[in-house]
């Protein structure tokens, strides 16, 4: 896209208080590289949307700075920041057709008519809506309306593109397709993007890096793979996918898990640990293999996978295995389980 100049974003000691008692964002430091898509992920009330709105200029920080490249824009109004946002509600004008919606920001900026026509056509082509310029937005599907909102954002050629829960109004299948389209477009254009969601699957699928937030602070920043395989805390492990937690001991090379020993190397303190095990890392041991003693509780066939539940020393352990497996055992049967090292990570005890 001609004229697109992606910028870096930096948050320095960013704080947002509402009244005396509510701290929505608490001294957040974050650097977003040019051309990177970074996702702010966390439960409701963790501060992710407030942080996004401060980047956009829609909320004023109580403390700290927002920098676009090296420019301090903390006190700059939203319309002077070269940033645009795609909202959860799409925020389309129902009395305007597709062309008029996409052209709105350009008209406000008083761009020449021929430039508006060219840039609207370019933006619609990028999101796959060629030929729909004259269509009423009310006649579009939810996915098409989201694309119009994205085209409107791209038409003004922002330096940073923000997404506030943009897929939450779509059904599951459409949500997956549109997130793939957003990611492909973002990578093709190389536009710096900050994305907010509470959906961990969405965050893992779309991001270069994920920022997990909790109670206004950053719990961990990393690639989707890093967060999933090496969570820094039980909160992150539990929020990013599903996880089992078992007590164990670590000697620097092997985890002792209720007598079952698993080879493992991780830079954590030796001694008592909490062993995080992803459900897909659990499998049945063969008769000649030493494993983790467990009691079979239940199984649920879900098509591509079967979900199992076991009791291990009083703790429920969940497993996800491909194939059927419904006749492997009956409730109350004693079984042995193996743990794949790649799906195991160590956390502080507790």
C-alpha atoms as a PDB file:
ATOM      1  CA  UNK A   1       0.000   0.000   0.000  1.00  0.00           C
ATOM      2  CA  UNK A   2       1.590   3.246  -1.121  1.00  0.00           C
ATOM      3  CA  UNK A   3       2.308   5.812   1.593  1.00  0.00           C
ATOM      4  CA  UNK A   4       2.211   3.312   4.452  1.00  0.00           C
ATOM      5  CA  UNK A   5       4.992   3.991   6.950  1.00  0.00           C
ATOM      6  CA  UNK A   6       4.667   1.676   9.960  1.00  0.00           C
ATOM      7  CA  UNK A   7       5.912   3.043  13.279  1.00  0.00           C
ATOM      8  CA  UNK A   8       7.108   1.538  16.531  1.00  0.00           C
ATOM      9  CA  UNK A   9       5.045   2.010  19.700  1.00  0.00           C
ATOM     10  CA  UNK A  10       6.464   2.356  23.190  1.00  0.00           C
ATOM     11  CA  UNK A  11       4.697   2.585  26.527  1.00  0.00           C
ATOM     12  CA  UNK A  12       6.777   3.912  29.423  1.00  0.00           C
ATOM     13  CA  UNK A  13       5.503   3.570  32.979  1.00  0.00           C
ATOM     14  CA  UNK A  14       1.920   3.845  31.767  1.00  0.00           C
ATOM     15  CA  UNK A  15      -0.678   4.253  34.521  1.00  0.00           C
ATOM     16  CA  UNK A  16      -4.421   4.819  34.338  1.00  0.00           C
ATOM     17  CA  UNK A  17      -6.491   5.399  37.457  1.00  0.00           C
ATOM     18  CA  UNK A  18     -10.248   5.869  37.590  1.00  0.00           C
ATOM     19  CA  UNK A  19     -11.009   7.710  40.789  1.00  0.00           C
ATOM     20  CA  UNK A  20      -8.972   6.966  43.879  1.00  0.00           C
ATOM     21  CA  UNK A  21      -9.362   3.230  44.151  1.00  0.00           C
ATOM     22  CA  UNK A  22      -9.392   1.769  40.622  1.00  0.00           C
ATOM     23  CA  UNK A  23      -6.017   1.252  38.918  1.00  0.00           C
ATOM     24  CA  UNK A  24      -6.841  -0.069  35.449  1.00  0.00           C
ATOM     25  CA  UNK A  25      -3.259   0.019  34.128  1.00  0.00           C
ATOM     26  CA  UNK A  26      -0.393  -0.118  36.594  1.00  0.00           C
ATOM     27  CA  UNK A  27       3.071   1.011  35.407  1.00  0.00           C
ATOM     28  CA  UNK A  28       3.151  -0.853  32.100  1.00  0.00           C
ATOM     29  CA  UNK A  29       6.294  -0.827  29.942  1.00  0.00           C
ATOM     30  CA  UNK A  30       6.026  -2.228  26.421  1.00  0.00           C
ATOM     31  CA  UNK A  31       7.834  -1.854  23.088  1.00  0.00           C
ATOM     32  CA  UNK A  32       6.165  -2.821  19.801  1.00  0.00           C
ATOM     33  CA  UNK A  33       8.510  -3.100  16.822  1.00  0.00           C
ATOM     34  CA  UNK A  34       7.716  -1.642  13.402  1.00  0.00           C
ATOM     35  CA  UNK A  35       5.637  -4.124  11.426  1.00  0.00           C
ATOM     36  CA  UNK A  36       4.907  -6.322  14.445  1.00  0.00           C
ATOM     37  CA  UNK A  37       1.493  -7.610  15.481  1.00  0.00           C
ATOM     38  CA  UNK A  38       1.350  -7.809  19.245  1.00  0.00           C
ATOM     39  CA  UNK A  39      -1.717  -8.929  21.193  1.00  0.00           C
ATOM     40  CA  UNK A  40      -2.808  -7.773  24.633  1.00  0.00           C
ATOM     41  CA  UNK A  41      -4.482 -10.810  26.156  1.00  0.00           C
ATOM     42  CA  UNK A  42      -6.212 -11.270  29.475  1.00  0.00           C
ATOM     43  CA  UNK A  43      -9.513 -11.650  31.311  1.00  0.00           C
ATOM     44  CA  UNK A  44     -12.100  -8.899  31.569  1.00  0.00           C
ATOM     45  CA  UNK A  45     -10.883  -6.030  33.729  1.00  0.00           C
ATOM     46  CA  UNK A  46      -7.157  -6.738  33.253  1.00  0.00           C
ATOM     47  CA  UNK A  47      -6.500  -3.348  31.613  1.00  0.00           C
ATOM     48  CA  UNK A  48      -5.894  -4.419  28.029  1.00  0.00           C
ATOM     49  CA  UNK A  49      -8.583  -2.257  26.412  1.00  0.00           C
ATOM     50  CA  UNK A  50      -7.678   0.738  28.584  1.00  0.00           C
ATOM     51  CA  UNK A  51      -4.043   0.404  27.456  1.00  0.00           C
ATOM     52  CA  UNK A  52      -5.182   0.237  23.829  1.00  0.00           C
ATOM     53  CA  UNK A  53      -7.334   3.346  24.230  1.00  0.00           C
ATOM     54  CA  UNK A  54      -4.371   5.240  25.679  1.00  0.00           C
ATOM     55  CA  UNK A  55      -2.301   4.318  22.620  1.00  0.00           C
ATOM     56  CA  UNK A  56      -5.142   5.582  20.444  1.00  0.00           C
ATOM     57  CA  UNK A  57      -5.520   8.830  22.377  1.00  0.00           C
ATOM     58  CA  UNK A  58      -9.046   8.008  23.533  1.00  0.00           C
ATOM     59  CA  UNK A  59      -7.960   7.888  27.196  1.00  0.00           C
ATOM     60  CA  UNK A  60      -5.442  10.169  28.906  1.00  0.00           C
ATOM     61  CA  UNK A  61      -2.804   8.428  31.047  1.00  0.00           C
ATOM     62  CA  UNK A  62      -2.617   9.318  34.708  1.00  0.00           C
ATOM     63  CA  UNK A  63       1.140   8.794  34.516  1.00  0.00           C
ATOM     64  CA  UNK A  64       3.683   7.674  31.936  1.00  0.00           C
ATOM     65  CA  UNK A  65       4.253   8.176  28.236  1.00  0.00           C
ATOM     66  CA  UNK A  66       3.072   6.896  24.852  1.00  0.00           C
ATOM     67  CA  UNK A  67       5.691   7.172  22.087  1.00  0.00           C
ATOM     68  CA  UNK A  68       5.122   6.636  18.371  1.00  0.00           C
ATOM     69  CA  UNK A  69       8.600   6.046  16.991  1.00  0.00           C
ATOM     70  CA  UNK A  70      10.470   8.546  19.161  1.00  0.00           C
ATOM     71  CA  UNK A  71       7.679  11.121  19.276  1.00  0.00           C
ATOM     72  CA  UNK A  72       5.940  11.616  22.624  1.00  0.00           C
ATOM     73  CA  UNK A  73       2.226  11.674  21.755  1.00  0.00           C
ATOM     74  CA  UNK A  74       0.932  11.278  25.315  1.00  0.00           C
ATOM     75  CA  UNK A  75      -0.944  14.584  25.266  1.00  0.00           C
ATOM     76  CA  UNK A  76      -1.613  14.647  21.538  1.00  0.00           C
ATOM     77  CA  UNK A  77      -5.283  14.287  20.496  1.00  0.00           C
ATOM     78  CA  UNK A  78      -6.298  11.088  18.727  1.00  0.00           C
ATOM     79  CA  UNK A  79      -6.756  12.661  15.301  1.00  0.00           C
ATOM     80  CA  UNK A  80      -3.119  13.837  15.188  1.00  0.00           C
ATOM     81  CA  UNK A  81      -1.508  10.471  15.976  1.00  0.00           C
ATOM     82  CA  UNK A  82      -1.684   8.701  12.564  1.00  0.00           C
ATOM     83  CA  UNK A  83      -3.364   5.807  14.361  1.00  0.00           C
ATOM     84  CA  UNK A  84      -6.688   4.191  13.645  1.00  0.00           C
ATOM     85  CA  UNK A  85      -8.768   1.564  15.415  1.00  0.00           C
ATOM     86  CA  UNK A  86     -11.048  -1.257  14.304  1.00  0.00           C
ATOM     87  CA  UNK A  87     -13.769  -1.528  16.936  1.00  0.00           C
ATOM     88  CA  UNK A  88     -15.657  -4.512  18.292  1.00  0.00           C
ATOM     89  CA  UNK A  89     -18.954  -3.016  17.115  1.00  0.00           C
ATOM     90  CA  UNK A  90     -17.520  -2.095  13.658  1.00  0.00           C
ATOM     91  CA  UNK A  91     -18.882   1.483  14.198  1.00  0.00           C
ATOM     92  CA  UNK A  92     -20.212   1.671  10.628  1.00  0.00           C
ATOM     93  CA  UNK A  93     -22.663   4.379   9.626  1.00  0.00           C
ATOM     94  CA  UNK A  94     -25.918   2.592   8.694  1.00  0.00           C
ATOM     95  CA  UNK A  95     -27.163   5.450   6.494  1.00  0.00           C
ATOM     96  CA  UNK A  96     -24.004   5.301   4.340  1.00  0.00           C
ATOM     97  CA  UNK A  97     -23.081   2.689   1.743  1.00  0.00           C
ATOM     98  CA  UNK A  98     -19.777   0.828   1.707  1.00  0.00           C
ATOM     99  CA  UNK A  99     -17.923   3.480  -0.309  1.00  0.00           C
ATOM    100  CA  UNK A 100     -19.106   6.288   1.942  1.00  0.00           C
ATOM    101  CA  UNK A 101     -18.122   4.411   5.096  1.00  0.00           C
ATOM    102  CA  UNK A 102     -14.620   3.675   3.827  1.00  0.00           C
ATOM    103  CA  UNK A 103     -14.224   7.241   2.527  1.00  0.00           C
ATOM    104  CA  UNK A 104     -15.366   8.891   5.755  1.00  0.00           C
ATOM    105  CA  UNK A 105     -11.964   9.524   7.314  1.00  0.00           C
ATOM    106  CA  UNK A 106     -10.548  10.796   4.035  1.00  0.00           C
ATOM    107  CA  UNK A 107     -13.446  13.231   3.620  1.00  0.00           C
ATOM    108  CA  UNK A 108     -12.934  14.513   7.161  1.00  0.00           C
ATOM    109  CA  UNK A 109      -9.284  15.064   6.240  1.00  0.00           C
ATOM    110  CA  UNK A 110     -10.495  16.954   3.117  1.00  0.00           C
ATOM    111  CA  UNK A 111      -8.589  14.867   0.632  1.00  0.00           C
ATOM    112  CA  UNK A 112      -9.291  15.513  -3.090  1.00  0.00           C
ATOM    113  CA  UNK A 113     -12.153  13.525  -4.621  1.00  0.00           C
ATOM    114  CA  UNK A 114      -9.975  11.607  -7.065  1.00  0.00           C
ATOM    115  CA  UNK A 115      -7.594  10.619  -4.270  1.00  0.00           C
ATOM    116  CA  UNK A 116     -10.524   9.473  -2.119  1.00  0.00           C
ATOM    117  CA  UNK A 117     -11.893   7.336  -4.950  1.00  0.00           C
ATOM    118  CA  UNK A 118      -8.478   5.774  -5.579  1.00  0.00           C
ATOM    119  CA  UNK A 119      -7.736   5.023  -1.935  1.00  0.00           C
ATOM    120  CA  UNK A 120     -11.197   3.602  -1.244  1.00  0.00           C
ATOM    121  CA  UNK A 121     -10.904   1.294  -4.251  1.00  0.00           C
ATOM    122  CA  UNK A 122      -7.442   0.227  -3.089  1.00  0.00           C
ATOM    123  CA  UNK A 123      -8.643  -0.478   0.454  1.00  0.00           C
ATOM    124  CA  UNK A 124     -11.687  -2.439  -0.702  1.00  0.00           C
ATOM    125  CA  UNK A 125      -9.502  -4.532  -3.010  1.00  0.00           C
ATOM    126  CA  UNK A 126      -7.156  -5.329  -0.118  1.00  0.00           C
ATOM    127  CA  UNK A 127      -9.986  -6.754   1.987  1.00  0.00           C
ATOM    128  CA  UNK A 128     -11.669  -8.572  -0.906  1.00  0.00           C
ATOM    129  CA  UNK A 129     -14.734  -6.333  -1.270  1.00  0.00           C
ATOM    130  CA  UNK A 130     -14.281  -5.158  -4.855  1.00  0.00           C
ATOM    131  CA  UNK A 131     -17.611  -4.544  -6.517  1.00  0.00           C
ATOM    132  CA  UNK A 132     -19.479  -3.833  -3.258  1.00  0.00           C
ATOM    133  CA  UNK A 133     -18.814  -0.097  -3.017  1.00  0.00           C
ATOM    134  CA  UNK A 134     -22.473   0.787  -3.635  1.00  0.00           C
ATOM    135  CA  UNK A 135     -23.893  -1.872  -1.304  1.00  0.00           C
ATOM    136  CA  UNK A 136     -25.748  -0.783   1.843  1.00  0.00           C
ATOM    137  CA  UNK A 137     -23.836  -1.878   4.942  1.00  0.00           C
ATOM    138  CA  UNK A 138     -27.060  -3.311   6.381  1.00  0.00           C
ATOM    139  CA  UNK A 139     -27.149  -5.777   3.474  1.00  0.00           C
ATOM    140  CA  UNK A 140     -23.731  -7.203   4.331  1.00  0.00           C
ATOM    141  CA  UNK A 141     -22.893 -10.235   6.436  1.00  0.00           C
ATOM    142  CA  UNK A 142     -21.079  -9.813   9.728  1.00  0.00           C
ATOM    143  CA  UNK A 143     -17.785 -10.819   8.143  1.00  0.00           C
ATOM    144  CA  UNK A 144     -18.250  -8.336   5.300  1.00  0.00           C
ATOM    145  CA  UNK A 145     -19.084  -5.550   7.751  1.00  0.00           C
ATOM    146  CA  UNK A 146     -15.877  -6.295   9.632  1.00  0.00           C
ATOM    147  CA  UNK A 147     -13.967  -6.043   6.349  1.00  0.00           C
ATOM    148  CA  UNK A 148     -15.551  -2.653   5.643  1.00  0.00           C
ATOM    149  CA  UNK A 149     -14.402  -1.450   9.057  1.00  0.00           C
ATOM    150  CA  UNK A 150     -10.895  -2.725   8.274  1.00  0.00           C
ATOM    151  CA  UNK A 151     -10.902  -1.084   4.840  1.00  0.00           C
ATOM    152  CA  UNK A 152     -11.946   2.230   6.401  1.00  0.00           C
ATOM    153  CA  UNK A 153      -9.030   1.983   8.822  1.00  0.00           C
ATOM    154  CA  UNK A 154      -6.550   1.149   6.050  1.00  0.00           C
ATOM    155  CA  UNK A 155      -7.765   3.862   3.684  1.00  0.00           C
ATOM    156  CA  UNK A 156      -6.246   6.617   5.812  1.00  0.00           C
ATOM    157  CA  UNK A 157      -2.866   4.808   5.731  1.00  0.00           C
ATOM    158  CA  UNK A 158      -2.198   4.777   9.473  1.00  0.00           C
ATOM    159  CA  UNK A 159       1.234   4.262  10.985  1.00  0.00           C
ATOM    160  CA  UNK A 160      -0.290   2.026  13.649  1.00  0.00           C
ATOM    161  CA  UNK A 161      -3.450  -0.087  13.425  1.00  0.00           C
ATOM    162  CA  UNK A 162      -5.347  -1.006  16.602  1.00  0.00           C
ATOM    163  CA  UNK A 163      -7.922  -3.783  17.022  1.00  0.00           C
ATOM    164  CA  UNK A 164     -10.348  -3.832  19.962  1.00  0.00           C
ATOM    165  CA  UNK A 165     -11.913  -7.324  20.193  1.00  0.00           C
ATOM    166  CA  UNK A 166     -12.705  -7.133  16.445  1.00  0.00           C
ATOM    167  CA  UNK A 167     -14.051 -10.680  16.050  1.00  0.00           C
ATOM    168  CA  UNK A 168     -16.204 -11.110  19.130  1.00  0.00           C
ATOM    169  CA  UNK A 169     -19.462 -10.506  17.223  1.00  0.00           C
ATOM    170  CA  UNK A 170     -18.770 -13.259  14.667  1.00  0.00           C
ATOM    171  CA  UNK A 171     -19.638 -16.949  14.891  1.00  0.00           C
ATOM    172  CA  UNK A 172     -16.809 -19.439  15.448  1.00  0.00           C
ATOM    173  CA  UNK A 173     -16.189 -20.465  11.820  1.00  0.00           C
ATOM    174  CA  UNK A 174     -16.330 -16.908  10.504  1.00  0.00           C
ATOM    175  CA  UNK A 175     -14.132 -15.708  13.352  1.00  0.00           C
ATOM    176  CA  UNK A 176     -11.417 -18.142  12.328  1.00  0.00           C
ATOM    177  CA  UNK A 177     -11.566 -17.121   8.667  1.00  0.00           C
ATOM    178  CA  UNK A 178     -11.528 -13.374   9.370  1.00  0.00           C
ATOM    179  CA  UNK A 179      -8.622 -13.645  11.832  1.00  0.00           C
ATOM    180  CA  UNK A 180      -6.628 -15.470   9.135  1.00  0.00           C
ATOM    181  CA  UNK A 181      -7.471 -12.672   6.693  1.00  0.00           C
ATOM    182  CA  UNK A 182      -6.399 -10.009   9.190  1.00  0.00           C
ATOM    183  CA  UNK A 183      -3.091 -11.759   9.845  1.00  0.00           C
ATOM    184  CA  UNK A 184      -2.351 -12.286   6.149  1.00  0.00           C
ATOM    185  CA  UNK A 185      -3.140  -8.651   5.369  1.00  0.00           C
ATOM    186  CA  UNK A 186      -1.089  -7.338   8.300  1.00  0.00           C
ATOM    187  CA  UNK A 187       1.930  -9.371   7.231  1.00  0.00           C
ATOM    188  CA  UNK A 188       1.564  -8.390   3.579  1.00  0.00           C
ATOM    189  CA  UNK A 189       1.368  -4.677   4.408  1.00  0.00           C
ATOM    190  CA  UNK A 190       3.897  -4.816   7.253  1.00  0.00           C
ATOM    191  CA  UNK A 191       1.715  -2.527   9.332  1.00  0.00           C
ATOM    192  CA  UNK A 192       2.380  -2.205  13.062  1.00  0.00           C
ATOM    193  CA  UNK A 193      -0.648  -3.576  14.897  1.00  0.00           C
ATOM    194  CA  UNK A 194      -1.800  -3.855  18.494  1.00  0.00           C
ATOM    195  CA  UNK A 195      -4.643  -6.326  18.969  1.00  0.00           C
ATOM    196  CA  UNK A 196      -6.818  -6.843  22.052  1.00  0.00           C
ATOM    197  CA  UNK A 197      -8.694 -10.049  22.822  1.00  0.00           C
ATOM    198  CA  UNK A 198      -9.678 -12.296  25.724  1.00  0.00           C
ATOM    199  CA  UNK A 199      -9.602 -15.362  23.449  1.00  0.00           C
ATOM    200  CA  UNK A 200      -6.302 -17.217  23.896  1.00  0.00           C
ATOM    201  CA  UNK A 201      -6.706 -19.286  20.716  1.00  0.00           C
ATOM    202  CA  UNK A 202      -7.175 -16.110  18.715  1.00  0.00           C
ATOM    203  CA  UNK A 203      -4.104 -14.539  20.324  1.00  0.00           C
ATOM    204  CA  UNK A 204      -1.906 -17.568  19.655  1.00  0.00           C
ATOM    205  CA  UNK A 205      -3.031 -17.807  16.026  1.00  0.00           C
ATOM    206  CA  UNK A 206      -2.581 -14.195  15.031  1.00  0.00           C
ATOM    207  CA  UNK A 207       0.365 -12.751  16.977  1.00  0.00           C
ATOM    208  CA  UNK A 208       4.102 -12.284  16.652  1.00  0.00           C
ATOM    209  CA  UNK A 209       4.151 -11.777  20.422  1.00  0.00           C
ATOM    210  CA  UNK A 210       1.502 -11.970  23.116  1.00  0.00           C
ATOM    211  CA  UNK A 211       1.311  -9.762  26.214  1.00  0.00           C
ATOM    212  CA  UNK A 212      -0.567 -11.555  28.990  1.00  0.00           C
ATOM    213  CA  UNK A 213      -2.098  -9.021  31.378  1.00  0.00           C
ATOM    214  CA  UNK A 214      -3.505  -9.444  34.866  1.00  0.00           C
ATOM    215  CA  UNK A 215      -4.939  -6.785  37.188  1.00  0.00           C
ATOM    216  CA  UNK A 216      -3.431  -3.919  35.177  1.00  0.00           C
ATOM    217  CA  UNK A 217       0.083  -5.353  34.949  1.00  0.00           C
ATOM    218  CA  UNK A 218       2.014  -7.474  32.462  1.00  0.00           C
ATOM    219  CA  UNK A 219       2.362 -11.067  33.631  1.00  0.00           C
ATOM    220  CA  UNK A 220       4.485 -12.287  30.693  1.00  0.00           C
ATOM    221  CA  UNK A 221       5.489 -11.283  27.150  1.00  0.00           C
ATOM    222  CA  UNK A 222       6.606 -13.814  24.561  1.00  0.00           C
ATOM    223  CA  UNK A 223       5.946 -15.606  21.312  1.00  0.00           C
ATOM    224  CA  UNK A 224       2.899 -17.876  21.259  1.00  0.00           C
ATOM    225  CA  UNK A 225       5.210 -20.905  21.436  1.00  0.00           C
ATOM    226  CA  UNK A 226       7.177 -19.504  24.393  1.00  0.00           C
ATOM    227  CA  UNK A 227       4.048 -18.719  26.385  1.00  0.00           C
ATOM    228  CA  UNK A 228       2.516 -22.114  25.737  1.00  0.00           C
ATOM    229  CA  UNK A 229       5.600 -24.220  26.418  1.00  0.00           C
ATOM    230  CA  UNK A 230       7.343 -22.074  29.059  1.00  0.00           C
ATOM    231  CA  UNK A 231       4.753 -20.060  31.013  1.00  0.00           C
ATOM    232  CA  UNK A 232       6.255 -17.876  33.734  1.00  0.00           C
ATOM    233  CA  UNK A 233       3.429 -18.409  36.226  1.00  0.00           C
ATOM    234  CA  UNK A 234       0.485 -20.634  36.992  1.00  0.00           C
ATOM    235  CA  UNK A 235      -1.841 -17.835  35.860  1.00  0.00           C
ATOM    236  CA  UNK A 236      -0.241 -17.734  32.392  1.00  0.00           C
ATOM    237  CA  UNK A 237      -0.165 -21.525  32.125  1.00  0.00           C
ATOM    238  CA  UNK A 238      -3.844 -21.759  33.029  1.00  0.00           C
ATOM    239  CA  UNK A 239      -4.914 -18.859  30.810  1.00  0.00           C
ATOM    240  CA  UNK A 240      -2.984 -19.940  27.710  1.00  0.00           C
ATOM    241  CA  UNK A 241      -4.725 -23.192  26.852  1.00  0.00           C
ATOM    242  CA  UNK A 242      -5.513 -26.010  29.270  1.00  0.00           C
ATOM    243  CA  UNK A 243      -3.063 -27.303  31.856  1.00  0.00           C
ATOM    244  CA  UNK A 244      -2.684 -29.854  34.614  1.00  0.00           C
ATOM    245  CA  UNK A 245      -0.718 -29.018  37.782  1.00  0.00           C
ATOM    246  CA  UNK A 246       0.969 -31.676  39.917  1.00  0.00           C
ATOM    247  CA  UNK A 247       3.490 -31.451  42.794  1.00  0.00           C
ATOM    248  CA  UNK A 248       6.977 -32.763  42.108  1.00  0.00           C
ATOM    249  CA  UNK A 249      10.690 -32.447  42.862  1.00  0.00           C
ATOM    250  CA  UNK A 250      13.436 -31.369  40.468  1.00  0.00           C
ATOM    251  CA  UNK A 251      17.167 -32.148  40.675  1.00  0.00           C
ATOM    252  CA  UNK A 252      18.275 -30.163  37.621  1.00  0.00           C
ATOM    253  CA  UNK A 253      17.978 -33.075  35.176  1.00  0.00           C
ATOM    254  CA  UNK A 254      14.951 -35.157  36.169  1.00  0.00           C
ATOM    255  CA  UNK A 255      11.498 -34.442  37.590  1.00  0.00           C
ATOM    256  CA  UNK A 256      10.341 -36.893  40.244  1.00  0.00           C
ATOM    257  CA  UNK A 257       6.569 -37.002  39.961  1.00  0.00           C
ATOM    258  CA  UNK A 258       5.115 -39.328  42.601  1.00  0.00           C
ATOM    259  CA  UNK A 259       7.876 -41.817  41.838  1.00  0.00           C
ATOM    260  CA  UNK A 260       7.613 -41.427  38.052  1.00  0.00           C
ATOM    261  CA  UNK A 261      10.774 -39.769  36.676  1.00  0.00           C
ATOM    262  CA  UNK A 262      10.674 -37.482  33.624  1.00  0.00           C
ATOM    263  CA  UNK A 263      13.900 -36.173  32.010  1.00  0.00           C
ATOM    264  CA  UNK A 264      13.779 -32.368  31.943  1.00  0.00           C
ATOM    265  CA  UNK A 265      16.129 -29.405  31.675  1.00  0.00           C
ATOM    266  CA  UNK A 266      14.890 -25.954  32.708  1.00  0.00           C
ATOM    267  CA  UNK A 267      16.511 -22.980  34.413  1.00  0.00           C
ATOM    268  CA  UNK A 268      14.550 -23.150  37.663  1.00  0.00           C
ATOM    269  CA  UNK A 269      15.545 -23.693  41.287  1.00  0.00           C
ATOM    270  CA  UNK A 270      16.027 -27.298  42.365  1.00  0.00           C
ATOM    271  CA  UNK A 271      13.690 -28.780  44.941  1.00  0.00           C
ATOM    272  CA  UNK A 272       9.906 -28.704  45.228  1.00  0.00           C
ATOM    273  CA  UNK A 273       8.158 -27.536  42.057  1.00  0.00           C
ATOM    274  CA  UNK A 274       4.745 -27.411  40.449  1.00  0.00           C
ATOM    275  CA  UNK A 275       4.756 -29.548  37.317  1.00  0.00           C
ATOM    276  CA  UNK A 276       2.594 -28.148  34.505  1.00  0.00           C
ATOM    277  CA  UNK A 277       1.474 -30.768  32.005  1.00  0.00           C
ATOM    278  CA  UNK A 278      -0.455 -29.939  28.851  1.00  0.00           C
ATOM    279  CA  UNK A 279      -3.361 -32.363  28.139  1.00  0.00           C
ATOM    280  CA  UNK A 280      -1.905 -33.400  24.776  1.00  0.00           C
ATOM    281  CA  UNK A 281       1.335 -34.458  26.539  1.00  0.00           C
ATOM    282  CA  UNK A 282      -0.472 -37.258  28.417  1.00  0.00           C
ATOM    283  CA  UNK A 283      -0.690 -40.733  26.884  1.00  0.00           C
ATOM    284  CA  UNK A 284      -1.272 -44.311  27.999  1.00  0.00           C
ATOM    285  CA  UNK A 285       1.787 -46.375  28.912  1.00  0.00           C
ATOM    286  CA  UNK A 286       2.272 -49.797  27.391  1.00  0.00           C
ATOM    287  CA  UNK A 287       2.329 -52.849  29.660  1.00  0.00           C
ATOM    288  CA  UNK A 288       6.143 -52.929  29.734  1.00  0.00           C
ATOM    289  CA  UNK A 289       6.588 -49.206  30.466  1.00  0.00           C
ATOM    290  CA  UNK A 290       6.987 -47.479  33.818  1.00  0.00           C
ATOM    291  CA  UNK A 291       4.473 -44.676  34.150  1.00  0.00           C
ATOM    292  CA  UNK A 292       2.448 -42.464  36.438  1.00  0.00           C
ATOM    293  CA  UNK A 293      -0.145 -44.448  38.381  1.00  0.00           C
ATOM    294  CA  UNK A 294      -3.670 -43.159  37.791  1.00  0.00           C
ATOM    295  CA  UNK A 295      -7.333 -44.118  38.058  1.00  0.00           C
ATOM    296  CA  UNK A 296      -9.494 -43.834  34.961  1.00  0.00           C
ATOM    297  CA  UNK A 297     -12.540 -41.603  35.547  1.00  0.00           C
ATOM    298  CA  UNK A 298     -14.159 -40.769  32.210  1.00  0.00           C
ATOM    299  CA  UNK A 299     -13.769 -40.197  28.471  1.00  0.00           C
ATOM    300  CA  UNK A 300     -15.573 -37.984  25.978  1.00  0.00           C
ATOM    301  CA  UNK A 301     -15.306 -38.615  22.246  1.00  0.00           C
ATOM    302  CA  UNK A 302     -15.073 -35.316  20.309  1.00  0.00           C
ATOM    303  CA  UNK A 303     -14.405 -36.567  16.797  1.00  0.00           C
ATOM    304  CA  UNK A 304     -10.759 -35.829  16.030  1.00  0.00           C
ATOM    305  CA  UNK A 305      -9.758 -36.295  19.667  1.00  0.00           C
ATOM    306  CA  UNK A 306     -10.946 -37.960  22.839  1.00  0.00           C
ATOM    307  CA  UNK A 307     -10.762 -36.139  26.158  1.00  0.00           C
ATOM    308  CA  UNK A 308      -9.904 -38.304  29.168  1.00  0.00           C
ATOM    309  CA  UNK A 309     -10.056 -37.570  32.886  1.00  0.00           C
ATOM    310  CA  UNK A 310      -7.898 -39.441  35.405  1.00  0.00           C
ATOM    311  CA  UNK A 311      -7.313 -39.275  39.137  1.00  0.00           C
ATOM    312  CA  UNK A 312      -3.642 -38.996  40.095  1.00  0.00           C
ATOM    313  CA  UNK A 313      -3.132 -39.035  43.874  1.00  0.00           C
ATOM    314  CA  UNK A 314      -6.319 -37.066  44.432  1.00  0.00           C
ATOM    315  CA  UNK A 315      -5.784 -34.569  41.564  1.00  0.00           C
ATOM    316  CA  UNK A 316      -7.831 -34.685  38.373  1.00  0.00           C
ATOM    317  CA  UNK A 317      -5.628 -34.901  35.285  1.00  0.00           C
ATOM    318  CA  UNK A 318      -7.041 -34.140  31.847  1.00  0.00           C
ATOM    319  CA  UNK A 319      -5.674 -35.672  28.653  1.00  0.00           C
ATOM    320  CA  UNK A 320      -6.406 -35.100  24.975  1.00  0.00           C
ATOM    321  CA  UNK A 321      -5.532 -37.965  22.619  1.00  0.00           C
ATOM    322  CA  UNK A 322      -6.165 -38.407  18.929  1.00  0.00           C
ATOM    323  CA  UNK A 323      -8.427 -41.191  17.732  1.00  0.00           C
ATOM    324  CA  UNK A 324     -11.193 -42.976  19.567  1.00  0.00           C
ATOM    325  CA  UNK A 325      -9.846 -44.739  22.631  1.00  0.00           C
ATOM    326  CA  UNK A 326     -13.275 -45.009  24.251  1.00  0.00           C
ATOM    327  CA  UNK A 327     -12.814 -48.711  25.069  1.00  0.00           C
ATOM    328  CA  UNK A 328      -9.323 -48.401  26.579  1.00  0.00           C
ATOM    329  CA  UNK A 329     -10.558 -48.520  30.152  1.00  0.00           C
ATOM    330  CA  UNK A 330     -13.633 -48.307  32.376  1.00  0.00           C
ATOM    331  CA  UNK A 331     -14.325 -46.021  35.296  1.00  0.00           C
ATOM    332  CA  UNK A 332     -12.272 -47.075  38.316  1.00  0.00           C
ATOM    333  CA  UNK A 333      -9.667 -49.024  36.337  1.00  0.00           C
ATOM    334  CA  UNK A 334      -6.035 -48.526  37.317  1.00  0.00           C
ATOM    335  CA  UNK A 335      -3.840 -47.321  34.433  1.00  0.00           C
ATOM    336  CA  UNK A 336      -0.357 -45.949  33.899  1.00  0.00           C
ATOM    337  CA  UNK A 337       0.317 -42.704  32.070  1.00  0.00           C
ATOM    338  CA  UNK A 338       3.347 -41.349  30.251  1.00  0.00           C
ATOM    339  CA  UNK A 339       4.155 -37.636  29.984  1.00  0.00           C
ATOM    340  CA  UNK A 340       5.814 -36.267  26.855  1.00  0.00           C
ATOM    341  CA  UNK A 341       8.677 -33.989  27.987  1.00  0.00           C
ATOM    342  CA  UNK A 342       7.831 -31.363  25.343  1.00  0.00           C
ATOM    343  CA  UNK A 343       4.501 -30.727  27.065  1.00  0.00           C
ATOM    344  CA  UNK A 344       5.945 -30.401  30.572  1.00  0.00           C
ATOM    345  CA  UNK A 345       7.129 -27.199  32.242  1.00  0.00           C
ATOM    346  CA  UNK A 346       8.127 -26.305  35.799  1.00  0.00           C
ATOM    347  CA  UNK A 347       6.682 -23.526  37.930  1.00  0.00           C
ATOM    348  CA  UNK A 348       7.346 -22.403  41.511  1.00  0.00           C
ATOM    349  CA  UNK A 349       5.618 -24.651  44.090  1.00  0.00           C
ATOM    350  CA  UNK A 350       2.100 -23.769  45.206  1.00  0.00           C
END
